[in-house]
Amino acid sequence: MTLIERVLTIAIAAVTNFLTRWLPFVIFTNRKEGQQSVVPFVKELGDFLPPAIMMMLVVYCYRNLNLFNLNHSIPEILAGIITVIIHLWRRSMFLSLIAGTLSYILLLNFVF
């Protein structure tokens, strides 16, 4: 790549990044009554999508679960149970993700 091609590539990436971050606020903002508010469709998506995405991640994590290979299936199931218990106890997504990941690593490397 020549210097001009590199500069153009960086400029296009910067403009694209700026547009993808700025454009949704322009499109989905309701400017009635002199104040900015989010349209109801976006609010409904904000309420619906986080649990749906979490369920997709759970399905993705357990998609290759093999109950006949206990060396991998038991640590995965136990780590999932630990994650759910800690999340219900503390209601902290960060803490539950860290605890689930650490428990899976520890179970896989030291117990099974």
N, C-alpha and C. Protein backbone atom coordinates (compact mmCIF):
# COMPACT_ATOMS: atom_id res chain seq x y z
N MET A 1 0.83 -1.18 0.00
CA MET A 1 0.00 0.00 0.00
C MET A 1 0.88 1.25 0.00
N THR A 2 0.46 2.19 -0.79
CA THR A 2 1.19 3.45 -0.79
C THR A 2 0.71 4.31 0.38
N LEU A 3 1.41 5.39 0.61
CA LEU A 3 1.06 6.28 1.71
C LEU A 3 -0.33 6.87 1.52
N ILE A 4 -0.68 7.23 0.30
CA ILE A 4 -2.01 7.80 0.02
C ILE A 4 -3.10 6.78 0.30
N GLU A 5 -2.88 5.53 -0.09
CA GLU A 5 -3.87 4.48 0.17
C GLU A 5 -4.05 4.25 1.67
N ARG A 6 -2.96 4.31 2.42
CA ARG A 6 -3.04 4.14 3.88
C ARG A 6 -3.84 5.28 4.52
N VAL A 7 -3.55 6.50 4.10
CA VAL A 7 -4.26 7.65 4.65
C VAL A 7 -5.73 7.58 4.31
N LEU A 8 -6.06 7.22 3.06
CA LEU A 8 -7.46 7.08 2.66
C LEU A 8 -8.17 5.97 3.44
N THR A 9 -7.49 4.87 3.67
CA THR A 9 -8.07 3.77 4.43
C THR A 9 -8.38 4.20 5.86
N ILE A 10 -7.45 4.89 6.49
CA ILE A 10 -7.66 5.37 7.86
C ILE A 10 -8.79 6.40 7.89
N ALA A 11 -8.84 7.30 6.91
CA ALA A 11 -9.89 8.31 6.86
C ALA A 11 -11.26 7.68 6.67
N ILE A 12 -11.36 6.71 5.78
CA ILE A 12 -12.64 6.02 5.56
C ILE A 12 -13.08 5.27 6.81
N ALA A 13 -12.13 4.62 7.48
CA ALA A 13 -12.47 3.91 8.72
C ALA A 13 -12.94 4.89 9.80
N ALA A 14 -12.28 6.05 9.90
CA ALA A 14 -12.66 7.05 10.90
C ALA A 14 -14.05 7.62 10.61
N VAL A 15 -14.33 7.94 9.37
CA VAL A 15 -15.64 8.49 9.01
C VAL A 15 -16.74 7.45 9.23
N THR A 16 -16.47 6.23 8.85
CA THR A 16 -17.45 5.16 9.05
C THR A 16 -17.72 4.95 10.53
N ASN A 17 -16.68 4.94 11.33
CA ASN A 17 -16.84 4.79 12.78
C ASN A 17 -17.67 5.94 13.34
N PHE A 18 -17.38 7.15 12.94
CA PHE A 18 -18.13 8.31 13.40
C PHE A 18 -19.60 8.21 13.01
N LEU A 19 -19.88 7.83 11.77
CA LEU A 19 -21.26 7.73 11.29
C LEU A 19 -22.05 6.65 12.03
N THR A 20 -21.42 5.51 12.28
CA THR A 20 -22.14 4.44 12.98
C THR A 20 -22.44 4.80 14.42
N ARG A 21 -21.69 5.69 15.00
CA ARG A 21 -21.95 6.11 16.38
C ARG A 21 -22.90 7.30 16.46
N TRP A 22 -22.92 8.13 15.45
CA TRP A 22 -23.70 9.36 15.47
C TRP A 22 -25.07 9.19 14.83
N LEU A 23 -25.14 8.43 13.75
CA LEU A 23 -26.36 8.30 12.98
C LEU A 23 -27.55 7.73 13.76
N PRO A 24 -27.40 6.71 14.60
CA PRO A 24 -28.57 6.22 15.34
C PRO A 24 -29.22 7.29 16.22
N PHE A 25 -28.43 8.19 16.79
CA PHE A 25 -29.00 9.25 17.61
C PHE A 25 -29.81 10.23 16.77
N VAL A 26 -29.39 10.42 15.53
CA VAL A 26 -30.13 11.31 14.64
C VAL A 26 -31.42 10.64 14.17
N ILE A 27 -31.34 9.36 13.84
CA ILE A 27 -32.50 8.66 13.29
C ILE A 27 -33.54 8.38 14.36
N PHE A 28 -33.12 7.90 15.53
CA PHE A 28 -34.06 7.41 16.53
C PHE A 28 -34.34 8.40 17.66
N THR A 29 -34.16 9.68 17.41
CA THR A 29 -34.46 10.67 18.43
C THR A 29 -35.77 11.36 18.09
N ASN A 30 -36.61 11.51 19.09
CA ASN A 30 -37.91 12.15 18.95
C ASN A 30 -37.76 13.58 19.45
N ARG A 31 -37.94 14.57 18.61
CA ARG A 31 -37.70 15.96 18.99
C ARG A 31 -38.99 16.73 19.23
N LYS A 32 -40.00 16.10 19.74
CA LYS A 32 -41.25 16.79 20.04
C LYS A 32 -41.13 17.51 21.37
N GLU A 33 -41.88 18.56 21.54
CA GLU A 33 -41.99 19.33 22.77
C GLU A 33 -40.66 19.94 23.22
N GLY A 34 -39.77 20.20 22.31
CA GLY A 34 -38.55 20.90 22.62
C GLY A 34 -37.50 20.10 23.36
N GLN A 35 -37.71 18.82 23.59
CA GLN A 35 -36.71 18.02 24.27
C GLN A 35 -36.47 16.73 23.49
N GLN A 36 -35.29 16.20 23.67
CA GLN A 36 -34.95 14.99 22.95
C GLN A 36 -35.35 13.78 23.79
N SER A 37 -36.04 12.85 23.16
CA SER A 37 -36.38 11.60 23.83
C SER A 37 -36.27 10.48 22.81
N VAL A 38 -36.06 9.30 23.31
CA VAL A 38 -35.91 8.13 22.45
C VAL A 38 -37.30 7.66 22.03
N VAL A 39 -37.41 7.25 20.78
CA VAL A 39 -38.70 6.75 20.29
C VAL A 39 -39.07 5.46 21.02
N PRO A 40 -40.36 5.18 21.16
CA PRO A 40 -40.80 3.99 21.93
C PRO A 40 -40.24 2.67 21.39
N PHE A 41 -40.05 2.58 20.08
CA PHE A 41 -39.51 1.34 19.49
C PHE A 41 -38.14 1.03 20.06
N VAL A 42 -37.29 2.03 20.20
CA VAL A 42 -35.94 1.82 20.71
C VAL A 42 -35.99 1.46 22.20
N LYS A 43 -36.92 2.07 22.95
CA LYS A 43 -37.06 1.72 24.36
C LYS A 43 -37.49 0.26 24.51
N GLU A 44 -38.41 -0.19 23.66
CA GLU A 44 -38.83 -1.59 23.71
C GLU A 44 -37.67 -2.53 23.37
N LEU A 45 -36.87 -2.16 22.40
CA LEU A 45 -35.69 -2.97 22.07
C LEU A 45 -34.72 -3.01 23.24
N GLY A 46 -34.56 -1.89 23.92
CA GLY A 46 -33.66 -1.84 25.06
C GLY A 46 -34.12 -2.71 26.21
N ASP A 47 -35.42 -2.91 26.33
CA ASP A 47 -35.95 -3.79 27.37
C ASP A 47 -35.90 -5.25 26.96
N PHE A 48 -36.04 -5.53 25.68
CA PHE A 48 -36.16 -6.90 25.20
C PHE A 48 -34.81 -7.55 24.86
N LEU A 49 -33.90 -6.80 24.26
CA LEU A 49 -32.68 -7.40 23.71
C LEU A 49 -31.68 -7.94 24.74
N PRO A 50 -31.41 -7.27 25.86
CA PRO A 50 -30.40 -7.85 26.77
C PRO A 50 -30.72 -9.26 27.26
N PRO A 51 -31.95 -9.56 27.72
CA PRO A 51 -32.21 -10.95 28.09
C PRO A 51 -32.14 -11.91 26.90
N ALA A 52 -32.57 -11.46 25.73
CA ALA A 52 -32.52 -12.32 24.55
C ALA A 52 -31.08 -12.63 24.16
N ILE A 53 -30.22 -11.65 24.25
CA ILE A 53 -28.81 -11.87 23.92
C ILE A 53 -28.17 -12.80 24.94
N MET A 54 -28.51 -12.65 26.22
CA MET A 54 -27.96 -13.55 27.24
C MET A 54 -28.41 -14.99 26.99
N MET A 55 -29.66 -15.18 26.59
CA MET A 55 -30.13 -16.53 26.29
C MET A 55 -29.41 -17.12 25.07
N MET A 56 -29.14 -16.28 24.08
CA MET A 56 -28.38 -16.75 22.92
C MET A 56 -26.98 -17.17 23.33
N LEU A 57 -26.36 -16.42 24.25
CA LEU A 57 -25.03 -16.79 24.73
C LEU A 57 -25.05 -18.09 25.51
N VAL A 58 -26.09 -18.31 26.30
CA VAL A 58 -26.20 -19.57 27.05
C VAL A 58 -26.34 -20.74 26.08
N VAL A 59 -27.19 -20.59 25.09
CA VAL A 59 -27.36 -21.66 24.08
C VAL A 59 -26.04 -21.89 23.34
N TYR A 60 -25.34 -20.82 23.01
CA TYR A 60 -24.07 -20.95 22.31
C TYR A 60 -23.04 -21.66 23.17
N CYS A 61 -23.01 -21.35 24.47
CA CYS A 61 -22.02 -21.98 25.35
C CYS A 61 -22.28 -23.47 25.54
N TYR A 62 -23.54 -23.86 25.59
CA TYR A 62 -23.87 -25.26 25.85
C TYR A 62 -24.21 -26.04 24.59
N ARG A 63 -23.97 -25.52 23.42
CA ARG A 63 -24.37 -26.19 22.19
C ARG A 63 -23.60 -27.48 21.95
N ASN A 64 -22.36 -27.56 22.38
CA ASN A 64 -21.54 -28.75 22.16
C ASN A 64 -21.38 -29.58 23.42
N LEU A 65 -22.29 -29.44 24.35
CA LEU A 65 -22.20 -30.18 25.61
C LEU A 65 -22.38 -31.66 25.35
N ASN A 66 -21.42 -32.43 25.76
CA ASN A 66 -21.45 -33.87 25.57
C ASN A 66 -21.57 -34.52 26.94
N LEU A 67 -22.73 -35.06 27.25
CA LEU A 67 -22.96 -35.66 28.56
C LEU A 67 -22.21 -36.98 28.74
N PHE A 68 -21.67 -37.53 27.67
CA PHE A 68 -20.92 -38.77 27.78
C PHE A 68 -19.45 -38.51 28.12
N ASN A 69 -18.99 -37.28 27.95
CA ASN A 69 -17.62 -36.91 28.30
C ASN A 69 -17.68 -36.09 29.58
N LEU A 70 -17.60 -36.77 30.72
CA LEU A 70 -17.78 -36.11 32.00
C LEU A 70 -16.64 -35.16 32.35
N ASN A 71 -15.48 -35.33 31.73
CA ASN A 71 -14.36 -34.44 32.04
C ASN A 71 -14.65 -33.00 31.64
N HIS A 72 -15.50 -32.79 30.64
CA HIS A 72 -15.82 -31.43 30.20
C HIS A 72 -17.24 -31.00 30.53
N SER A 73 -18.17 -31.94 30.57
CA SER A 73 -19.56 -31.54 30.77
C SER A 73 -19.86 -31.15 32.22
N ILE A 74 -19.30 -31.86 33.18
CA ILE A 74 -19.56 -31.51 34.59
C ILE A 74 -18.99 -30.14 34.94
N PRO A 75 -17.75 -29.81 34.57
CA PRO A 75 -17.27 -28.45 34.88
C PRO A 75 -18.11 -27.36 34.21
N GLU A 76 -18.57 -27.59 33.00
CA GLU A 76 -19.40 -26.59 32.31
C GLU A 76 -20.73 -26.39 33.04
N ILE A 77 -21.36 -27.49 33.43
CA ILE A 77 -22.64 -27.39 34.12
C ILE A 77 -22.47 -26.75 35.49
N LEU A 78 -21.46 -27.17 36.25
CA LEU A 78 -21.22 -26.58 37.57
C LEU A 78 -20.88 -25.10 37.48
N ALA A 79 -20.07 -24.73 36.51
CA ALA A 79 -19.73 -23.31 36.35
C ALA A 79 -20.96 -22.50 35.97
N GLY A 80 -21.85 -23.06 35.16
CA GLY A 80 -23.09 -22.38 34.84
C GLY A 80 -23.98 -22.21 36.06
N ILE A 81 -24.05 -23.24 36.89
CA ILE A 81 -24.86 -23.15 38.11
C ILE A 81 -24.27 -22.11 39.07
N ILE A 82 -22.96 -22.10 39.20
CA ILE A 82 -22.29 -21.11 40.06
C ILE A 82 -22.56 -19.70 39.54
N THR A 83 -22.49 -19.53 38.24
CA THR A 83 -22.76 -18.21 37.65
C THR A 83 -24.17 -17.75 37.95
N VAL A 84 -25.15 -18.63 37.80
CA VAL A 84 -26.55 -18.27 38.06
C VAL A 84 -26.75 -17.94 39.54
N ILE A 85 -26.19 -18.75 40.43
CA ILE A 85 -26.35 -18.50 41.86
C ILE A 85 -25.74 -17.16 42.26
N ILE A 86 -24.54 -16.87 41.80
CA ILE A 86 -23.90 -15.60 42.16
C ILE A 86 -24.65 -14.43 41.55
N HIS A 87 -25.18 -14.61 40.35
CA HIS A 87 -25.93 -13.50 39.74
C HIS A 87 -27.24 -13.26 40.50
N LEU A 88 -27.93 -14.30 40.90
CA LEU A 88 -29.16 -14.12 41.67
C LEU A 88 -28.88 -13.56 43.06
N TRP A 89 -27.72 -13.90 43.61
CA TRP A 89 -27.37 -13.43 44.95
C TRP A 89 -26.95 -11.97 44.95
N ARG A 90 -26.06 -11.57 44.03
CA ARG A 90 -25.49 -10.23 44.05
C ARG A 90 -26.05 -9.30 42.97
N ARG A 91 -26.70 -9.84 41.95
CA ARG A 91 -27.23 -9.05 40.83
C ARG A 91 -26.15 -8.22 40.16
N SER A 92 -24.98 -8.79 40.03
CA SER A 92 -23.85 -8.12 39.39
C SER A 92 -23.39 -8.97 38.22
N MET A 93 -23.59 -8.48 37.01
CA MET A 93 -23.21 -9.24 35.83
C MET A 93 -21.71 -9.46 35.77
N PHE A 94 -20.94 -8.43 36.10
CA PHE A 94 -19.48 -8.54 36.06
C PHE A 94 -19.00 -9.59 37.05
N LEU A 95 -19.49 -9.55 38.28
CA LEU A 95 -19.07 -10.51 39.29
C LEU A 95 -19.46 -11.93 38.90
N SER A 96 -20.66 -12.11 38.38
CA SER A 96 -21.09 -13.45 38.01
C SER A 96 -20.30 -14.00 36.83
N LEU A 97 -19.97 -13.15 35.86
CA LEU A 97 -19.15 -13.61 34.73
C LEU A 97 -17.75 -13.99 35.17
N ILE A 98 -17.15 -13.17 36.03
CA ILE A 98 -15.80 -13.48 36.53
C ILE A 98 -15.83 -14.76 37.36
N ALA A 99 -16.80 -14.89 38.25
CA ALA A 99 -16.89 -16.08 39.10
C ALA A 99 -17.15 -17.34 38.27
N GLY A 100 -18.02 -17.25 37.28
CA GLY A 100 -18.28 -18.40 36.43
C GLY A 100 -17.08 -18.81 35.62
N THR A 101 -16.36 -17.84 35.08
CA THR A 101 -15.17 -18.14 34.30
C THR A 101 -14.08 -18.75 35.17
N LEU A 102 -13.85 -18.15 36.33
CA LEU A 102 -12.82 -18.68 37.24
C LEU A 102 -13.19 -20.07 37.74
N SER A 103 -14.46 -20.28 38.07
CA SER A 103 -14.86 -21.60 38.54
C SER A 103 -14.70 -22.65 37.44
N TYR A 104 -15.00 -22.30 36.21
CA TYR A 104 -14.83 -23.25 35.11
C TYR A 104 -13.35 -23.58 34.92
N ILE A 105 -12.50 -22.59 34.95
CA ILE A 105 -11.07 -22.82 34.78
C ILE A 105 -10.52 -23.68 35.92
N LEU A 106 -10.90 -23.34 37.16
CA LEU A 106 -10.43 -24.12 38.30
C LEU A 106 -10.97 -25.54 38.27
N LEU A 107 -12.24 -25.72 37.97
CA LEU A 107 -12.80 -27.06 37.90
C LEU A 107 -12.15 -27.89 36.79
N LEU A 108 -11.92 -27.29 35.67
CA LEU A 108 -11.35 -28.02 34.54
C LEU A 108 -9.90 -28.40 34.78
N ASN A 109 -9.14 -27.50 35.41
CA ASN A 109 -7.70 -27.76 35.58
C ASN A 109 -7.33 -28.50 36.85
N PHE A 110 -8.10 -28.35 37.92
CA PHE A 110 -7.68 -28.91 39.18
C PHE A 110 -8.57 -30.02 39.73
N VAL A 111 -9.81 -30.09 39.28
CA VAL A 111 -10.71 -31.10 39.82
C VAL A 111 -10.91 -32.24 38.84
N PHE A 112 -11.18 -31.93 37.59
CA PHE A 112 -11.48 -32.97 36.62
C PHE A 112 -10.34 -33.20 35.67
